[in-house]
Amino acid sequence: NNNHHTEEISTERLIVRRGQPFTITVCFSAPIHNYLWQLKRILLIAQTGSHPSKADGTQTEFLISSLGDQKQWSAALEEQDPCFWTISVNTPANAPIGQYALLLHASKSDHLLGNFTLLFNPWCQDDEVFLANEAQRQEYILNQDGVIYWGTENAVLAQPWDFSQFEEDIVDICFTLLDVGERHRDKDHTQRKNPVYICRIVAAMLNCDEFRGILTECGTRQYFNGTPPSKWLGSGPILRQWIASQCKPVRYGQCWVFAAVMCSVLRCLGIPTRVVTGFTWAHNTNSSLSVDEYYDEDGTLLTQDKNARVWTFHVWNECWMARADLLPEYSGWQALDATCQNKSKGPSFCGPAPVQAIKEGDTEADYDVCYFFAAINAKCQVWIQKKDHTLKPALGSTKYTGNNISTKSVDSERCEDITHNYKYPEGMGAELYQSIRVIHFSLLPLSEWHKDTLLLLSTEVMHKFNSASLQ
């Protein structure tokens, strides 16, 4: 396990990363020359899932030879002795992750050699989650101590968090989570080779009262028969409570709790992940870039749709992976948000969305780029409703979203501003291009865009065009 960076999970169980060989020793009950005639064609069989099949890639057979193929399932005989063999087993870098059984097939019968767990491998260049920087691998895979930022953009607070991803029972809970998620969504183990698929299954399970999701969200601040979100300090107790209650949702979570638990699960499975906080976030706008908030003269919120409003802060995740399904420049950090969204179609979570696509305003890229883009680029108009029901703009009535997007820095508790990853600096020519592209490439037909959104965008584009002309 040391060579696979899994020794912190266990030194008793075999837990390995795909695309990297591991060594096993097969012991024989008698000197092997007594039954060499039975071993003329000896195979290893690796299989995962409840119904392993060669056709769907969850079962594979491979010969033991003198040279192993590093790109496929293979086995090479490293050392021979009358009573034991030492065998190097190689797994392909695109093998489905999971809990495997390893069998030896000889003389028309199978013998179970043992079980092993296979994870993603950010140390392997051929794995889709490969991360070249060792300091980042230490932070986004191996670090169990984290910090989550919240508060306001002018008064950022740091909340320590214990991710617990390498405590021994957590890896089994993570695979149970995948099993439950797949069972209720008619999915199976065959897609577990794809980190995008894994991210979407985990996000769907994080905040979902149906299908026995992990956490229940409560926005009333009345936390009956549960733990207030602010009292949680680590992911381990939440995941253990979920499994101990036979997969009943744990009460309660909010955005930072969903993101923290998601970070624990994905790091455990081998996907580089970090927690990101955005200060001023437009939530549930259905991808509109315009939000209105109405208050009475005493400051009480009157907005009919209280879900569609600007939050002081919001917390989500970023996961590192290649996106073979998209343009090459969209590989890298992907935004993933498990907090429920009111969406016109699709599941209630968002992502994974390429951060670069969000920056470019390319709302055609999968998944849910338009929601992230609107959340960090919206403008909110604040109105005061007077006693005679007339409206007037509040003092300093326009609020802007996405002004400060931050995460924990590598190997430090310092808050790192990563807003530039999501947004071009104010006044750059690329920002003008971005605004035009959002209109052109919107997932919604132009006729379905809110009139105020189109007016806002066209005004912004003209303002930037005039500014650029003056410069």
Protein backbone atom coordinates (compact mmCIF):
# COMPACT_ATOMS: atom_id res chain seq x y z
CA ASN A 1 0.00 0.00 0.00
CA ASN A 2 2.94 2.39 0.54
CA ASN A 3 3.73 2.58 -3.18
CA HIS A 4 0.06 3.38 -3.89
CA HIS A 5 -0.27 6.10 -1.22
CA THR A 6 -2.98 4.12 0.58
CA GLU A 7 -1.12 3.06 3.72
CA GLU A 8 -3.09 5.60 5.75
CA ILE A 9 -6.30 3.77 4.85
CA SER A 10 -5.03 0.36 5.87
CA THR A 11 -1.91 -1.77 6.17
CA GLU A 12 -3.96 -4.96 6.55
CA ARG A 13 -6.05 -4.79 3.36
CA LEU A 14 -4.84 -4.50 -0.23
CA ILE A 15 -5.90 -1.05 -1.48
CA VAL A 16 -4.27 0.00 -4.75
CA ARG A 17 -4.54 2.63 -7.49
CA ARG A 18 -5.24 1.84 -11.12
CA GLY A 19 -2.53 2.04 -13.78
CA GLN A 20 0.13 0.94 -11.29
CA PRO A 21 1.34 -2.64 -10.60
CA PHE A 22 1.04 -4.38 -7.24
CA THR A 23 2.65 -7.58 -6.01
CA ILE A 24 1.03 -10.71 -4.58
CA THR A 25 2.47 -13.97 -3.32
CA VAL A 26 0.71 -17.26 -4.10
CA CYS A 27 1.61 -20.06 -1.68
CA PHE A 28 1.14 -23.70 -2.62
CA SER A 29 0.27 -26.49 -0.19
CA ALA A 30 2.90 -28.76 -1.73
CA PRO A 31 5.93 -28.25 -4.00
CA ILE A 32 4.62 -27.01 -7.30
CA HIS A 33 6.51 -29.60 -9.39
CA ASN A 34 4.08 -32.25 -8.03
CA TYR A 35 1.24 -30.83 -10.15
CA LEU A 36 2.90 -28.79 -12.90
CA TRP A 37 0.88 -30.80 -15.43
CA GLN A 38 -2.25 -29.09 -14.06
CA LEU A 39 -0.78 -25.62 -14.54
CA LYS A 40 -0.14 -25.63 -18.27
CA ARG A 41 -2.71 -22.88 -18.71
CA ILE A 42 -3.06 -20.82 -15.57
CA LEU A 43 -5.07 -17.59 -15.50
CA LEU A 44 -5.90 -14.81 -13.10
CA ILE A 45 -9.43 -13.46 -13.00
CA ALA A 46 -10.27 -10.00 -11.62
CA GLN A 47 -13.94 -9.16 -11.14
CA THR A 48 -16.06 -6.49 -9.48
CA GLY A 49 -19.77 -5.88 -8.90
CA SER A 50 -22.64 -8.19 -8.04
CA HIS A 51 -22.89 -9.58 -11.60
CA PRO A 52 -19.39 -9.48 -13.11
CA SER A 53 -19.28 -9.87 -16.88
CA LYS A 54 -16.59 -9.95 -19.53
CA ALA A 55 -18.91 -8.12 -21.92
CA ASP A 56 -19.25 -5.01 -19.76
CA GLY A 57 -15.68 -4.96 -18.49
CA THR A 58 -16.37 -5.92 -14.87
CA GLN A 59 -14.63 -9.29 -15.27
CA THR A 60 -11.35 -9.94 -17.03
CA GLU A 61 -9.06 -12.94 -17.49
CA PHE A 62 -5.32 -12.68 -18.12
CA LEU A 63 -2.41 -15.08 -18.36
CA ILE A 64 0.57 -15.13 -16.02
CA SER A 65 3.58 -14.53 -18.24
CA SER A 66 7.20 -13.43 -17.98
CA LEU A 67 6.35 -9.92 -19.25
CA GLY A 68 3.26 -7.97 -18.22
CA ASP A 69 1.48 -5.45 -20.45
CA GLN A 70 1.49 -2.11 -18.61
CA LYS A 71 -1.57 -0.82 -20.51
CA GLN A 72 -3.93 -3.73 -19.77
CA TRP A 73 -4.81 -6.22 -17.08
CA SER A 74 -1.72 -8.42 -16.94
CA ALA A 75 0.40 -10.53 -14.61
CA ALA A 76 4.14 -11.17 -14.67
CA LEU A 77 5.91 -13.92 -12.75
CA GLU A 78 8.66 -12.17 -10.76
CA GLU A 79 9.94 -14.98 -8.54
CA GLN A 80 9.51 -18.74 -8.59
CA ASP A 81 10.03 -21.16 -5.70
CA PRO A 82 8.86 -24.76 -5.22
CA CYS A 83 6.24 -23.58 -2.70
CA PHE A 84 5.33 -20.06 -3.82
CA TRP A 85 5.14 -17.65 -6.73
CA THR A 86 5.59 -13.87 -6.56
CA ILE A 87 3.40 -12.21 -9.18
CA SER A 88 3.23 -8.59 -10.30
CA VAL A 89 -0.34 -7.64 -11.30
CA ASN A 90 -0.98 -4.59 -13.45
CA THR A 91 -4.30 -2.78 -13.80
CA PRO A 92 -5.13 -0.48 -16.73
CA ALA A 93 -5.40 3.26 -16.04
CA ASN A 94 -9.02 3.23 -17.21
CA ALA A 95 -10.23 0.24 -15.17
CA PRO A 96 -13.49 0.71 -13.21
CA ILE A 97 -12.78 1.56 -9.58
CA GLY A 98 -14.34 -0.76 -7.05
CA GLN A 99 -13.93 -3.68 -4.71
CA TYR A 100 -12.49 -6.63 -6.61
CA ALA A 101 -12.05 -10.36 -6.13
CA LEU A 102 -8.88 -11.92 -7.55
CA LEU A 103 -9.11 -15.59 -8.53
CA LEU A 104 -6.65 -18.12 -9.89
CA HIS A 105 -8.02 -20.37 -12.62
CA ALA A 106 -6.27 -23.69 -13.10
CA SER A 107 -7.39 -27.11 -14.25
CA LYS A 108 -10.96 -25.93 -14.98
CA SER A 109 -11.51 -24.62 -11.43
CA ASP A 110 -11.29 -21.19 -9.78
CA HIS A 111 -9.56 -20.48 -6.45
CA LEU A 112 -10.10 -17.20 -4.62
CA LEU A 113 -6.71 -15.62 -3.87
CA GLY A 114 -8.15 -12.59 -2.07
CA ASN A 115 -9.86 -9.23 -2.44
CA PHE A 116 -8.52 -5.79 -3.25
CA THR A 117 -9.87 -2.26 -3.62
CA LEU A 118 -9.03 -0.26 -6.75
CA LEU A 119 -9.02 3.56 -6.68
CA PHE A 120 -8.33 6.39 -9.14
CA ASN A 121 -4.65 7.29 -9.49
CA PRO A 122 -3.64 10.97 -9.74
CA TRP A 123 0.02 9.81 -9.78
CA CYS A 124 -0.48 7.93 -13.09
CA GLN A 125 -0.10 9.99 -16.28
CA ASP A 126 -2.60 7.79 -18.16
CA ASP A 127 -5.35 8.21 -15.56
CA GLU A 128 -7.94 10.90 -16.29
CA VAL A 129 -7.42 12.33 -12.80
CA PHE A 130 -3.64 12.70 -13.21
CA LEU A 131 -2.33 15.76 -11.37
CA ALA A 132 1.28 16.62 -12.19
CA ASN A 133 2.12 18.74 -9.15
CA GLU A 134 3.16 16.69 -6.10
CA ALA A 135 2.37 19.46 -3.61
CA GLN A 136 -1.16 19.64 -5.03
CA ARG A 137 -1.52 15.85 -4.82
CA GLN A 138 -0.52 16.01 -1.16
CA GLU A 139 -3.12 18.74 -0.55
CA TYR A 140 -6.05 17.60 -2.70
CA ILE A 141 -5.77 13.82 -2.13
CA LEU A 142 -3.78 13.09 1.01
CA ASN A 143 -4.51 16.00 3.35
CA GLN A 144 -7.22 15.10 5.88
CA ASP A 145 -7.19 18.48 7.66
CA GLY A 146 -8.94 21.31 5.87
CA VAL A 147 -10.38 24.78 6.25
CA ILE A 148 -13.73 25.99 4.93
CA TYR A 149 -14.24 29.73 4.48
CA TRP A 150 -17.52 31.53 5.10
CA GLY A 151 -18.83 34.85 6.39
CA THR A 152 -18.71 37.88 4.08
CA GLU A 153 -16.19 39.05 1.50
CA ASN A 154 -15.04 41.75 3.93
CA ALA A 155 -15.00 39.49 7.00
CA VAL A 156 -13.90 35.99 5.98
CA LEU A 157 -14.14 33.34 8.71
CA ALA A 158 -12.16 30.08 8.72
CA GLN A 159 -13.82 26.85 9.90
CA PRO A 160 -11.44 23.89 10.46
CA TRP A 161 -12.73 20.61 9.04
CA ASP A 162 -11.63 16.98 9.48
CA PHE A 163 -12.18 15.26 6.13
CA SER A 164 -11.31 11.79 7.57
CA GLN A 165 -11.01 10.30 4.07
CA PHE A 166 -8.39 7.75 5.13
CA GLU A 167 -10.03 6.36 8.23
CA GLU A 168 -10.38 2.67 7.45
CA ASP A 169 -14.17 2.33 7.38
CA ILE A 170 -14.65 5.39 5.16
CA VAL A 171 -13.55 3.68 1.94
CA ASP A 172 -16.22 0.99 2.41
CA ILE A 173 -18.86 3.63 3.15
CA CYS A 174 -17.89 5.45 -0.05
CA PHE A 175 -18.45 2.34 -2.16
CA THR A 176 -21.75 1.67 -0.36
CA LEU A 177 -22.71 5.23 -1.32
CA LEU A 178 -21.96 4.43 -4.99
CA ASP A 179 -23.93 1.17 -4.76
CA VAL A 180 -27.00 2.91 -3.32
CA GLY A 181 -26.79 5.75 -5.83
CA GLU A 182 -26.50 3.39 -8.79
CA ARG A 183 -29.27 1.10 -7.58
CA HIS A 184 -31.80 3.93 -7.48
CA ARG A 185 -30.73 5.41 -10.82
CA ASP A 186 -30.57 2.25 -12.93
CA LYS A 187 -26.80 2.53 -13.25
CA ASP A 188 -24.15 -0.13 -12.78
CA HIS A 189 -20.45 -0.68 -12.17
CA THR A 190 -19.53 -0.49 -15.85
CA GLN A 191 -19.29 3.31 -15.81
CA ARG A 192 -17.10 3.55 -12.73
CA LYS A 193 -14.03 4.03 -14.90
CA ASN A 194 -15.20 7.60 -15.61
CA PRO A 195 -14.52 10.28 -12.94
CA VAL A 196 -17.28 12.52 -14.37
CA TYR A 197 -19.79 9.73 -13.75
CA ILE A 198 -18.50 9.17 -10.20
CA CYS A 199 -18.78 12.88 -9.40
CA ARG A 200 -22.38 12.99 -10.59
CA ILE A 201 -23.39 9.91 -8.59
CA VAL A 202 -21.78 11.29 -5.41
CA ALA A 203 -23.32 14.75 -5.89
CA ALA A 204 -26.75 13.20 -6.41
CA MET A 205 -26.38 11.26 -3.16
CA LEU A 206 -25.16 14.16 -1.02
CA ASN A 207 -28.33 16.22 -0.76
CA CYS A 208 -31.35 14.16 -1.60
CA ASP A 209 -34.19 13.14 0.71
CA GLU A 210 -35.34 10.56 -1.78
CA PHE A 211 -33.14 7.57 -2.64
CA ARG A 212 -31.69 7.64 0.90
CA GLY A 213 -29.32 10.54 0.31
CA ILE A 214 -26.67 11.33 2.90
CA LEU A 215 -27.85 14.69 4.24
CA THR A 216 -31.13 16.55 4.73
CA GLU A 217 -31.13 20.27 4.04
CA CYS A 218 -33.05 22.56 6.37
CA GLY A 219 -33.37 26.27 5.69
CA THR A 220 -35.71 27.15 8.58
CA ARG A 221 -33.04 27.25 11.32
CA GLN A 222 -35.30 24.90 13.32
CA TYR A 223 -33.23 21.75 13.56
CA PHE A 224 -35.60 19.27 15.21
CA ASN A 225 -34.20 15.82 16.02
CA GLY A 226 -30.89 16.57 14.37
CA THR A 227 -27.58 18.42 14.45
CA PRO A 228 -27.44 22.06 13.29
CA PRO A 229 -25.09 22.37 10.29
CA SER A 230 -22.78 24.72 12.22
CA LYS A 231 -22.09 21.99 14.81
CA TRP A 232 -20.50 19.54 12.37
CA LEU A 233 -16.68 19.67 12.39
CA GLY A 234 -15.85 16.66 10.25
CA SER A 235 -17.15 14.24 7.62
CA GLY A 236 -16.52 10.97 9.49
CA PRO A 237 -19.42 11.28 11.99
CA ILE A 238 -21.86 12.16 9.18
CA LEU A 239 -20.87 9.23 6.96
CA ARG A 240 -20.87 6.78 9.89
CA GLN A 241 -24.28 7.96 11.07
CA TRP A 242 -25.64 7.52 7.55
CA ILE A 243 -24.38 3.93 7.29
CA ALA A 244 -25.41 3.04 10.87
CA SER A 245 -28.99 4.23 10.20
CA GLN A 246 -29.21 1.94 7.17
CA CYS A 247 -28.69 4.82 4.75
CA LYS A 248 -31.28 7.23 6.12
CA PRO A 249 -30.47 10.92 5.54
CA VAL A 250 -28.55 12.60 8.35
CA ARG A 251 -30.09 15.78 9.79
CA TYR A 252 -28.93 18.49 8.92
CA GLY A 253 -26.67 19.99 6.29
CA GLN A 254 -26.15 23.20 4.38
CA CYS A 255 -23.88 24.08 1.48
CA TRP A 256 -20.55 23.94 3.34
CA VAL A 257 -21.43 20.58 4.91
CA PHE A 258 -22.42 19.09 1.53
CA ALA A 259 -19.18 20.35 -0.02
CA ALA A 260 -17.02 19.09 2.85
CA VAL A 261 -18.49 15.58 2.79
CA MET A 262 -18.26 15.49 -1.01
CA CYS A 263 -14.58 16.44 -0.73
CA SER A 264 -14.00 13.55 1.70
CA VAL A 265 -15.69 10.98 -0.53
CA LEU A 266 -13.98 12.05 -3.76
CA ARG A 267 -10.53 12.31 -2.17
CA CYS A 268 -11.02 8.85 -0.70
CA LEU A 269 -11.86 7.46 -4.15
CA GLY A 270 -8.78 9.16 -5.63
CA ILE A 271 -10.17 12.26 -7.37
CA PRO A 272 -8.26 15.48 -6.48
CA THR A 273 -10.86 17.72 -4.84
CA ARG A 274 -11.00 21.02 -2.98
CA VAL A 275 -13.68 23.10 -1.26
CA VAL A 276 -14.41 26.53 -2.78
CA THR A 277 -16.31 29.47 -1.29
CA GLY A 278 -17.91 32.25 -3.30
CA PHE A 279 -18.93 35.43 -1.49
CA THR A 280 -22.18 36.90 -2.87
CA TRP A 281 -23.84 34.14 -4.88
CA ALA A 282 -27.09 34.31 -6.85
CA HIS A 283 -29.00 31.13 -6.02
CA ASN A 284 -31.96 29.54 -7.81
CA THR A 285 -32.13 32.17 -10.56
CA ASN A 286 -32.73 29.53 -13.27
CA SER A 287 -29.64 30.92 -15.06
CA SER A 288 -31.00 34.49 -15.17
CA LEU A 289 -28.42 37.26 -14.75
CA SER A 290 -30.92 39.54 -13.06
CA VAL A 291 -32.28 39.17 -9.51
CA ASP A 292 -34.71 41.45 -7.68
CA GLU A 293 -35.07 41.57 -3.90
CA TYR A 294 -37.92 43.43 -2.19
CA TYR A 295 -37.92 44.59 1.43
CA ASP A 296 -40.39 46.58 3.51
CA GLU A 297 -39.31 49.73 5.30
CA ASP A 298 -38.36 47.67 8.37
CA GLY A 299 -35.95 45.54 6.33
CA THR A 300 -38.11 42.37 6.14
CA LEU A 301 -37.63 40.36 2.96
CA LEU A 302 -40.78 40.44 0.82
CA THR A 303 -39.52 38.67 -2.28
CA GLN A 304 -42.17 36.17 -3.32
CA ASP A 305 -39.64 33.61 -4.49
CA LYS A 306 -37.43 33.56 -1.41
CA ASN A 307 -35.28 30.84 -2.97
CA ALA A 308 -34.15 33.15 -5.77
CA ARG A 309 -31.92 35.59 -3.97
CA VAL A 310 -28.32 36.57 -3.37
CA TRP A 311 -26.61 34.61 -0.60
CA THR A 312 -23.84 36.15 1.48
CA PHE A 313 -21.69 33.14 0.63
CA HIS A 314 -21.98 29.74 -0.99
CA VAL A 315 -19.69 26.70 -0.87
CA TRP A 316 -19.12 24.11 -3.60
CA ASN A 317 -16.33 21.82 -4.84
CA GLU A 318 -13.76 21.68 -7.58
CA CYS A 319 -12.48 18.33 -8.89
CA TRP A 320 -9.48 17.83 -11.12
CA MET A 321 -9.81 15.63 -14.22
CA ALA A 322 -9.43 15.42 -17.97
CA ARG A 323 -12.62 15.97 -19.96
CA ALA A 324 -12.31 13.75 -23.01
CA ASP A 325 -15.93 14.61 -23.86
CA LEU A 326 -15.14 18.33 -24.24
CA LEU A 327 -12.55 20.66 -25.76
CA PRO A 328 -8.99 20.05 -24.48
CA GLU A 329 -8.87 23.45 -22.75
CA TYR A 330 -11.80 22.38 -20.56
CA SER A 331 -9.78 19.73 -18.76
CA GLY A 332 -8.56 20.64 -15.28
CA TRP A 333 -10.69 22.00 -12.45
CA GLN A 334 -14.41 21.19 -12.65
CA ALA A 335 -17.02 22.94 -10.49
CA LEU A 336 -19.42 20.59 -8.69
CA ASP A 337 -22.28 21.73 -6.43
CA ALA A 338 -24.38 19.30 -4.39
CA THR A 339 -26.71 21.96 -2.96
CA CYS A 340 -30.21 21.60 -4.43
CA GLN A 341 -31.02 24.00 -7.27
CA ASN A 342 -34.38 24.83 -8.82
CA LYS A 343 -33.61 23.85 -12.42
CA SER A 344 -35.85 23.77 -15.47
CA LYS A 345 -34.53 20.30 -16.32
CA GLY A 346 -32.06 17.70 -15.11
CA PRO A 347 -31.01 16.69 -11.59
CA SER A 348 -31.01 19.18 -8.72
CA PHE A 349 -27.21 19.26 -8.34
CA CYS A 350 -24.85 21.08 -10.73
CA GLY A 351 -21.71 19.91 -12.53
CA PRO A 352 -19.08 18.91 -13.07
CA ALA A 353 -18.71 22.12 -15.09
CA PRO A 354 -15.29 23.13 -16.47
CA VAL A 355 -14.14 26.24 -14.61
CA GLN A 356 -12.60 27.54 -17.84
CA ALA A 357 -15.97 27.15 -19.61
CA ILE A 358 -17.61 29.17 -16.82
CA LYS A 359 -15.00 31.88 -17.33
CA GLU A 360 -15.58 31.88 -21.09
CA GLY A 361 -19.37 31.86 -20.73
CA ASP A 362 -19.59 28.71 -22.85
CA THR A 363 -22.96 27.53 -21.60
CA GLU A 364 -23.11 24.66 -24.12
CA ALA A 365 -20.38 22.74 -22.28
CA ASP A 366 -21.50 19.93 -19.96
CA TYR A 367 -22.61 20.16 -17.20
CA ASP A 368 -24.65 23.17 -15.95
CA VAL A 369 -22.17 25.89 -16.91
CA CYS A 370 -25.08 28.35 -17.26
CA TYR A 371 -26.03 28.00 -13.57
CA PHE A 372 -22.52 28.64 -12.31
CA PHE A 373 -22.06 31.52 -14.73
CA ALA A 374 -25.29 33.22 -13.65
CA ALA A 375 -24.56 32.69 -9.96
CA ILE A 376 -21.27 34.59 -10.07
CA ASN A 377 -22.13 37.19 -12.73
CA ALA A 378 -25.65 38.27 -11.75
CA LYS A 379 -26.69 41.72 -10.61
CA CYS A 380 -29.24 42.06 -7.86
CA GLN A 381 -31.50 45.11 -7.63
CA VAL A 382 -32.72 45.80 -4.08
CA TRP A 383 -36.07 47.57 -3.72
CA ILE A 384 -37.86 49.10 -0.73
CA GLN A 385 -41.64 48.77 -0.78
CA LYS A 386 -43.25 51.74 0.92
CA LYS A 387 -46.54 51.62 2.84
CA ASP A 388 -48.41 52.88 -0.22
CA HIS A 389 -46.91 49.87 -2.14
CA THR A 390 -44.73 52.07 -4.32
CA LEU A 391 -41.16 50.94 -4.86
CA LYS A 392 -37.93 52.83 -4.60
CA PRO A 393 -34.35 51.59 -5.05
CA ALA A 394 -32.52 51.03 -1.78
CA LEU A 395 -29.42 53.05 -0.98
CA GLY A 396 -26.56 51.27 -2.71
CA SER A 397 -29.29 49.19 -4.28
CA THR A 398 -27.28 47.11 -6.73
CA LYS A 399 -25.45 44.03 -5.45
CA TYR A 400 -22.88 42.25 -7.58
CA THR A 401 -22.14 38.54 -7.26
CA GLY A 402 -18.96 36.53 -7.44
CA ASN A 403 -16.64 39.25 -6.14
CA ASN A 404 -14.44 36.93 -4.10
CA ILE A 405 -14.05 33.21 -4.86
CA SER A 406 -11.58 31.55 -2.51
CA THR A 407 -10.13 28.22 -1.40
CA LYS A 408 -7.52 26.94 1.03
CA SER A 409 -4.00 27.34 -0.36
CA VAL A 410 -1.73 24.37 -0.87
CA ASP A 411 0.15 23.38 2.31
CA SER A 412 -1.16 26.42 4.17
CA GLU A 413 -4.30 27.68 5.91
CA ARG A 414 -4.06 30.93 3.97
CA CYS A 415 -7.18 31.87 2.00
CA GLU A 416 -6.31 31.92 -1.72
CA ASP A 417 -8.33 34.13 -4.06
CA ILE A 418 -9.12 32.19 -7.25
CA THR A 419 -11.71 34.62 -8.69
CA HIS A 420 -9.50 35.05 -11.78
CA ASN A 421 -10.13 31.38 -12.64
CA TYR A 422 -13.86 32.12 -12.97
CA LYS A 423 -14.01 35.71 -14.24
CA TYR A 424 -11.98 38.03 -16.43
CA PRO A 425 -10.81 41.24 -14.76
CA GLU A 426 -13.24 44.14 -15.14
CA GLY A 427 -12.76 46.01 -18.40
CA MET A 428 -10.81 43.37 -20.35
CA GLY A 429 -11.77 42.79 -23.99
CA ALA A 430 -12.36 39.12 -23.18
CA GLU A 431 -15.15 40.15 -20.84
CA LEU A 432 -17.02 41.76 -23.77
CA TYR A 433 -16.60 38.57 -25.82
CA GLN A 434 -17.84 36.55 -22.86
CA SER A 435 -21.05 38.59 -22.54
CA ILE A 436 -21.85 38.23 -26.24
CA ARG A 437 -21.12 34.51 -26.15
CA VAL A 438 -23.52 33.91 -23.26
CA ILE A 439 -26.38 35.28 -25.39
CA HIS A 440 -25.31 33.32 -28.47
CA PHE A 441 -24.64 29.98 -26.82
CA SER A 442 -27.34 29.97 -24.12
CA LEU A 443 -28.88 26.59 -23.41
CA LEU A 444 -32.28 28.36 -23.56
CA PRO A 445 -33.65 29.68 -26.86
CA LEU A 446 -33.35 33.44 -27.07
CA SER A 447 -37.15 33.78 -26.95
CA GLU A 448 -37.20 32.10 -23.52
CA TRP A 449 -34.70 34.42 -21.88
CA HIS A 450 -36.16 36.87 -19.37
CA LYS A 451 -36.53 40.32 -20.90
CA ASP A 452 -34.70 41.87 -17.99
CA THR A 453 -31.78 39.49 -18.54
CA LEU A 454 -31.50 40.45 -22.22
CA LEU A 455 -31.75 44.13 -21.37
CA LEU A 456 -29.11 43.76 -18.68
CA LEU A 457 -26.75 41.90 -21.03
CA SER A 458 -27.26 44.28 -23.95
CA THR A 459 -26.68 47.27 -21.68
CA GLU A 460 -23.53 45.69 -20.32
CA VAL A 461 -22.24 44.84 -23.79
CA MET A 462 -22.86 48.39 -25.07
CA HIS A 463 -21.23 49.87 -21.98
CA LYS A 464 -18.14 47.70 -22.42
CA PHE A 465 -18.07 48.36 -26.18
CA ASN A 466 -18.18 52.14 -25.62
CA SER A 467 -15.52 51.87 -22.92
CA ALA A 468 -13.29 49.82 -25.21
CA SER A 469 -13.80 52.36 -28.02
CA LEU A 470 -12.78 55.23 -25.76
CA GLN A 471 -9.64 53.38 -24.76
